[in-house]
Amino acid sequence: MTHEINDSTDVHADNAADVDLETSGLTASPTTVLTVGDTVWVRGNFGTDAPHRDVVLGLQVTRGRREKYGRAVDAVSWDRVRNNYVVVDLESGHWAYGEQVTPDTTGGTQ
């Protein structure tokens, strides 16, 4: 079962309600929802490196911006990612704050 944090609730993870994507009518498209297994563009070194592709292995929604630890989820809205309330664990063995990650809209090809 895939869960997403409902952005109509408070931004804090403890107060946010999980939404089942299968029954909510939400679509897990690369432009609205980031899910585990998605390919993304990442700018390492706290956003200063050149972007590279990586695969999302894990997602955590945090209580505040740029916090390193939060509640594990399978999917989260890109709005929450862009607002920097998400930590992304990557296949490369690294992690990134939400502000360092953007959708890969190329379908994983160059």
N, C-alpha and C. Protein backbone atom coordinates (compact mmCIF):
# COMPACT_ATOMS: atom_id res chain seq x y z
N MET A 1 0.84 -1.17 0.00
CA MET A 1 0.00 0.00 0.00
C MET A 1 0.89 1.24 0.00
N THR A 2 0.63 2.18 -0.86
CA THR A 2 1.41 3.40 -0.97
C THR A 2 0.71 4.51 -0.20
N HIS A 3 1.50 5.29 0.52
CA HIS A 3 0.94 6.40 1.29
C HIS A 3 1.55 7.70 0.83
N GLU A 4 0.78 8.75 0.96
CA GLU A 4 1.26 10.10 0.68
C GLU A 4 0.81 10.97 1.83
N ILE A 5 1.62 11.96 2.16
CA ILE A 5 1.22 12.93 3.16
C ILE A 5 0.23 13.88 2.52
N ASN A 6 -0.89 14.10 3.16
CA ASN A 6 -1.94 14.98 2.66
C ASN A 6 -1.53 16.42 2.91
N ASP A 7 -1.29 17.20 1.85
CA ASP A 7 -0.81 18.57 2.01
C ASP A 7 -1.88 19.54 2.49
N SER A 8 -3.11 19.12 2.63
CA SER A 8 -4.12 20.02 3.16
C SER A 8 -4.07 20.07 4.68
N THR A 9 -3.22 19.22 5.28
CA THR A 9 -3.07 19.22 6.73
C THR A 9 -1.86 20.04 7.12
N ASP A 10 -1.64 20.16 8.40
CA ASP A 10 -0.49 20.85 8.94
C ASP A 10 0.78 20.26 8.35
N VAL A 11 1.84 21.07 8.22
CA VAL A 11 3.07 20.60 7.59
C VAL A 11 3.85 19.65 8.47
N HIS A 12 3.57 19.58 9.74
CA HIS A 12 4.32 18.70 10.63
C HIS A 12 3.90 17.26 10.42
N ALA A 13 4.87 16.37 10.31
CA ALA A 13 4.60 14.97 10.00
C ALA A 13 3.69 14.31 11.02
N ASP A 14 3.83 14.65 12.30
CA ASP A 14 3.00 14.01 13.31
C ASP A 14 1.53 14.39 13.17
N ASN A 15 1.25 15.53 12.55
CA ASN A 15 -0.12 15.99 12.40
C ASN A 15 -0.70 15.67 11.03
N ALA A 16 0.12 15.19 10.12
CA ALA A 16 -0.33 14.96 8.75
C ALA A 16 -1.00 13.60 8.64
N ALA A 17 -2.03 13.54 7.82
CA ALA A 17 -2.77 12.29 7.61
C ALA A 17 -2.20 11.57 6.40
N ASP A 18 -2.10 10.24 6.51
CA ASP A 18 -1.70 9.44 5.36
C ASP A 18 -2.89 9.28 4.43
N VAL A 19 -2.61 9.24 3.14
CA VAL A 19 -3.65 9.06 2.14
C VAL A 19 -3.28 7.86 1.30
N ASP A 20 -4.18 6.93 1.12
CA ASP A 20 -3.96 5.78 0.27
C ASP A 20 -4.18 6.23 -1.17
N LEU A 21 -3.13 6.20 -1.98
CA LEU A 21 -3.23 6.67 -3.36
C LEU A 21 -4.25 5.87 -4.16
N GLU A 22 -4.40 4.58 -3.84
CA GLU A 22 -5.32 3.74 -4.59
C GLU A 22 -6.78 4.14 -4.39
N THR A 23 -7.12 4.62 -3.21
CA THR A 23 -8.51 4.96 -2.93
C THR A 23 -8.78 6.46 -2.91
N SER A 24 -7.73 7.26 -2.95
CA SER A 24 -7.91 8.71 -2.83
C SER A 24 -8.22 9.40 -4.15
N GLY A 25 -7.94 8.73 -5.26
CA GLY A 25 -8.12 9.36 -6.56
C GLY A 25 -6.91 10.16 -7.00
N LEU A 26 -5.86 10.24 -6.15
CA LEU A 26 -4.64 10.96 -6.52
C LEU A 26 -3.85 10.11 -7.51
N THR A 27 -3.13 10.77 -8.38
CA THR A 27 -2.32 10.08 -9.37
C THR A 27 -0.86 10.25 -9.01
N ALA A 28 -0.12 9.17 -9.01
CA ALA A 28 1.30 9.21 -8.69
C ALA A 28 2.09 9.54 -9.94
N SER A 29 1.92 10.74 -10.46
CA SER A 29 2.68 11.16 -11.63
C SER A 29 3.96 11.84 -11.17
N PRO A 30 4.99 11.87 -12.03
CA PRO A 30 6.26 12.45 -11.63
C PRO A 30 6.18 13.94 -11.30
N THR A 31 5.12 14.61 -11.72
CA THR A 31 5.02 16.04 -11.45
C THR A 31 4.18 16.36 -10.22
N THR A 32 3.46 15.39 -9.66
CA THR A 32 2.64 15.66 -8.48
C THR A 32 3.08 14.89 -7.25
N VAL A 33 3.58 13.66 -7.43
CA VAL A 33 3.91 12.81 -6.30
C VAL A 33 5.27 12.16 -6.53
N LEU A 34 6.14 12.24 -5.52
CA LEU A 34 7.42 11.54 -5.53
C LEU A 34 7.23 10.23 -4.79
N THR A 35 7.61 9.12 -5.41
CA THR A 35 7.46 7.82 -4.78
C THR A 35 8.80 7.08 -4.74
N VAL A 36 8.90 6.16 -3.80
CA VAL A 36 10.07 5.29 -3.73
C VAL A 36 10.17 4.55 -5.05
N GLY A 37 11.37 4.51 -5.63
CA GLY A 37 11.60 3.87 -6.91
C GLY A 37 11.67 4.84 -8.08
N ASP A 38 11.23 6.09 -7.86
CA ASP A 38 11.31 7.11 -8.92
C ASP A 38 12.76 7.48 -9.21
N THR A 39 13.03 7.83 -10.46
CA THR A 39 14.31 8.40 -10.85
C THR A 39 14.18 9.91 -10.75
N VAL A 40 15.18 10.56 -10.14
CA VAL A 40 15.16 12.01 -9.92
C VAL A 40 16.50 12.60 -10.31
N TRP A 41 16.51 13.91 -10.48
CA TRP A 41 17.75 14.67 -10.62
C TRP A 41 18.13 15.18 -9.24
N VAL A 42 19.40 15.04 -8.89
CA VAL A 42 19.88 15.44 -7.56
C VAL A 42 21.09 16.34 -7.73
N ARG A 43 21.12 17.40 -6.95
CA ARG A 43 22.29 18.27 -6.87
C ARG A 43 22.93 18.03 -5.51
N GLY A 44 24.02 17.27 -5.49
CA GLY A 44 24.69 16.91 -4.24
C GLY A 44 25.40 18.08 -3.60
N ASN A 45 26.11 17.77 -2.50
CA ASN A 45 26.87 18.77 -1.76
C ASN A 45 26.00 19.96 -1.38
N PHE A 46 24.83 19.64 -0.82
CA PHE A 46 23.85 20.63 -0.36
C PHE A 46 23.40 21.57 -1.47
N GLY A 47 23.30 21.01 -2.69
CA GLY A 47 22.76 21.75 -3.82
C GLY A 47 23.77 22.47 -4.68
N THR A 48 25.06 22.32 -4.38
CA THR A 48 26.08 23.07 -5.14
C THR A 48 26.70 22.26 -6.27
N ASP A 49 26.56 20.92 -6.25
CA ASP A 49 27.13 20.09 -7.31
C ASP A 49 26.26 20.13 -8.57
N ALA A 50 26.84 19.70 -9.68
CA ALA A 50 26.08 19.55 -10.92
C ALA A 50 25.04 18.46 -10.73
N PRO A 51 23.89 18.59 -11.38
CA PRO A 51 22.84 17.57 -11.20
C PRO A 51 23.23 16.23 -11.82
N HIS A 52 22.79 15.15 -11.16
CA HIS A 52 22.97 13.80 -11.68
C HIS A 52 21.70 13.01 -11.37
N ARG A 53 21.47 11.95 -12.14
CA ARG A 53 20.31 11.09 -11.91
C ARG A 53 20.58 10.12 -10.78
N ASP A 54 19.53 9.82 -10.02
CA ASP A 54 19.62 8.82 -8.96
C ASP A 54 18.22 8.25 -8.75
N VAL A 55 18.14 7.15 -8.03
CA VAL A 55 16.87 6.48 -7.77
C VAL A 55 16.53 6.63 -6.29
N VAL A 56 15.27 6.95 -6.00
CA VAL A 56 14.80 7.13 -4.63
C VAL A 56 14.62 5.76 -3.98
N LEU A 57 15.33 5.53 -2.86
CA LEU A 57 15.18 4.29 -2.10
C LEU A 57 14.31 4.47 -0.87
N GLY A 58 14.22 5.70 -0.37
CA GLY A 58 13.43 5.96 0.82
C GLY A 58 13.08 7.43 0.93
N LEU A 59 11.98 7.71 1.64
CA LEU A 59 11.50 9.08 1.86
C LEU A 59 11.15 9.25 3.33
N GLN A 60 11.51 10.39 3.88
CA GLN A 60 11.12 10.72 5.24
C GLN A 60 10.54 12.13 5.25
N VAL A 61 9.36 12.28 5.85
CA VAL A 61 8.75 13.59 6.03
C VAL A 61 9.17 14.11 7.39
N THR A 62 9.71 15.34 7.42
CA THR A 62 10.24 15.90 8.65
C THR A 62 9.29 16.91 9.27
N ARG A 63 9.52 17.20 10.55
CA ARG A 63 8.69 18.18 11.27
C ARG A 63 9.00 19.61 10.85
N GLY A 64 10.22 19.86 10.44
CA GLY A 64 10.63 21.20 10.05
C GLY A 64 11.49 21.16 8.80
N ARG A 65 11.72 22.32 8.25
CA ARG A 65 12.55 22.40 7.04
C ARG A 65 13.99 22.05 7.34
N ARG A 66 14.59 21.32 6.38
CA ARG A 66 16.01 20.93 6.44
C ARG A 66 16.35 20.12 7.69
N GLU A 67 15.40 19.40 8.23
CA GLU A 67 15.72 18.45 9.29
C GLU A 67 16.14 17.14 8.63
N LYS A 68 17.02 16.39 9.27
CA LYS A 68 17.58 15.20 8.64
C LYS A 68 16.75 13.95 8.88
N TYR A 69 15.96 13.90 9.94
CA TYR A 69 15.22 12.68 10.25
C TYR A 69 13.73 12.97 10.36
N GLY A 70 12.93 12.00 9.91
CA GLY A 70 11.48 12.18 9.96
C GLY A 70 10.78 10.83 9.94
N ARG A 71 9.54 10.85 9.51
CA ARG A 71 8.70 9.67 9.46
C ARG A 71 8.75 9.08 8.06
N ALA A 72 9.05 7.78 7.96
CA ALA A 72 9.18 7.13 6.66
C ALA A 72 7.82 7.03 5.97
N VAL A 73 7.79 7.35 4.68
CA VAL A 73 6.59 7.23 3.84
C VAL A 73 7.00 6.63 2.51
N ASP A 74 6.02 6.12 1.78
CA ASP A 74 6.28 5.54 0.45
C ASP A 74 6.16 6.57 -0.67
N ALA A 75 5.39 7.63 -0.41
CA ALA A 75 5.16 8.66 -1.43
C ALA A 75 4.85 9.98 -0.72
N VAL A 76 5.14 11.07 -1.41
CA VAL A 76 4.90 12.40 -0.85
C VAL A 76 4.71 13.37 -2.00
N SER A 77 3.93 14.41 -1.78
CA SER A 77 3.69 15.38 -2.85
C SER A 77 4.97 16.17 -3.15
N TRP A 78 5.11 16.56 -4.41
CA TRP A 78 6.26 17.39 -4.78
C TRP A 78 6.20 18.74 -4.10
N ASP A 79 5.02 19.24 -3.75
CA ASP A 79 4.94 20.50 -3.00
C ASP A 79 5.68 20.39 -1.67
N ARG A 80 5.48 19.30 -0.98
CA ARG A 80 6.15 19.09 0.31
C ARG A 80 7.66 18.92 0.09
N VAL A 81 8.06 18.25 -0.99
CA VAL A 81 9.48 18.09 -1.30
C VAL A 81 10.10 19.46 -1.55
N ARG A 82 9.47 20.26 -2.41
CA ARG A 82 9.99 21.59 -2.75
C ARG A 82 10.05 22.52 -1.55
N ASN A 83 9.10 22.35 -0.61
CA ASN A 83 9.10 23.18 0.60
C ASN A 83 10.09 22.68 1.64
N ASN A 84 10.85 21.63 1.28
CA ASN A 84 11.98 21.15 2.07
C ASN A 84 11.58 20.47 3.37
N TYR A 85 10.46 19.74 3.36
CA TYR A 85 10.04 18.94 4.50
C TYR A 85 10.25 17.45 4.24
N VAL A 86 11.20 17.12 3.36
CA VAL A 86 11.43 15.72 2.99
C VAL A 86 12.93 15.46 2.89
N VAL A 87 13.34 14.30 3.39
CA VAL A 87 14.70 13.80 3.19
C VAL A 87 14.58 12.60 2.27
N VAL A 88 15.44 12.55 1.25
CA VAL A 88 15.39 11.51 0.23
C VAL A 88 16.63 10.64 0.34
N ASP A 89 16.43 9.35 0.55
CA ASP A 89 17.53 8.39 0.54
C ASP A 89 17.70 7.87 -0.88
N LEU A 90 18.95 7.81 -1.35
CA LEU A 90 19.22 7.54 -2.77
C LEU A 90 19.99 6.25 -2.98
N GLU A 91 19.80 5.67 -4.16
CA GLU A 91 20.47 4.43 -4.54
C GLU A 91 21.99 4.55 -4.50
N SER A 92 22.50 5.73 -4.73
CA SER A 92 23.95 5.96 -4.72
C SER A 92 24.56 5.84 -3.32
N GLY A 93 23.71 5.71 -2.31
CA GLY A 93 24.20 5.64 -0.93
C GLY A 93 24.18 6.99 -0.23
N HIS A 94 23.80 8.02 -0.94
CA HIS A 94 23.73 9.36 -0.37
C HIS A 94 22.28 9.68 0.00
N TRP A 95 22.10 10.82 0.64
CA TRP A 95 20.77 11.34 0.94
C TRP A 95 20.75 12.80 0.52
N ALA A 96 19.55 13.36 0.39
CA ALA A 96 19.42 14.76 -0.03
C ALA A 96 18.21 15.39 0.64
N TYR A 97 18.30 16.68 0.88
CA TYR A 97 17.13 17.45 1.29
C TYR A 97 16.23 17.62 0.07
N GLY A 98 14.97 17.87 0.33
CA GLY A 98 14.02 18.04 -0.76
C GLY A 98 14.40 19.10 -1.77
N GLU A 99 14.99 20.18 -1.31
CA GLU A 99 15.36 21.27 -2.21
C GLU A 99 16.44 20.88 -3.22
N GLN A 100 17.11 19.75 -2.99
CA GLN A 100 18.18 19.30 -3.87
C GLN A 100 17.68 18.37 -4.96
N VAL A 101 16.40 18.02 -4.95
CA VAL A 101 15.85 16.99 -5.81
C VAL A 101 14.78 17.57 -6.73
N THR A 102 14.82 17.19 -8.01
CA THR A 102 13.78 17.60 -8.96
C THR A 102 13.33 16.37 -9.75
N PRO A 103 12.10 16.42 -10.29
CA PRO A 103 11.60 15.26 -11.04
C PRO A 103 12.43 14.99 -12.29
N ASP A 104 12.57 13.72 -12.63
CA ASP A 104 13.18 13.33 -13.91
C ASP A 104 12.03 13.09 -14.86
N THR A 105 11.76 14.05 -15.70
CA THR A 105 10.64 13.96 -16.64
C THR A 105 11.03 13.33 -17.97
N THR A 106 12.28 12.85 -18.07
CA THR A 106 12.75 12.24 -19.31
C THR A 106 12.42 10.75 -19.37
N GLY A 107 11.85 10.20 -18.30
CA GLY A 107 11.56 8.77 -18.28
C GLY A 107 12.79 7.93 -18.05
N GLY A 108 13.84 8.53 -17.48
CA GLY A 108 15.06 7.78 -17.19
C GLY A 108 16.02 7.66 -18.35
N THR A 109 15.77 8.40 -19.46
CA THR A 109 16.68 8.38 -20.60
C THR A 109 17.29 9.77 -20.77
N GLN A 110 18.39 9.82 -21.49
CA GLN A 110 19.02 11.14 -21.69
C GLN A 110 18.75 11.70 -23.04
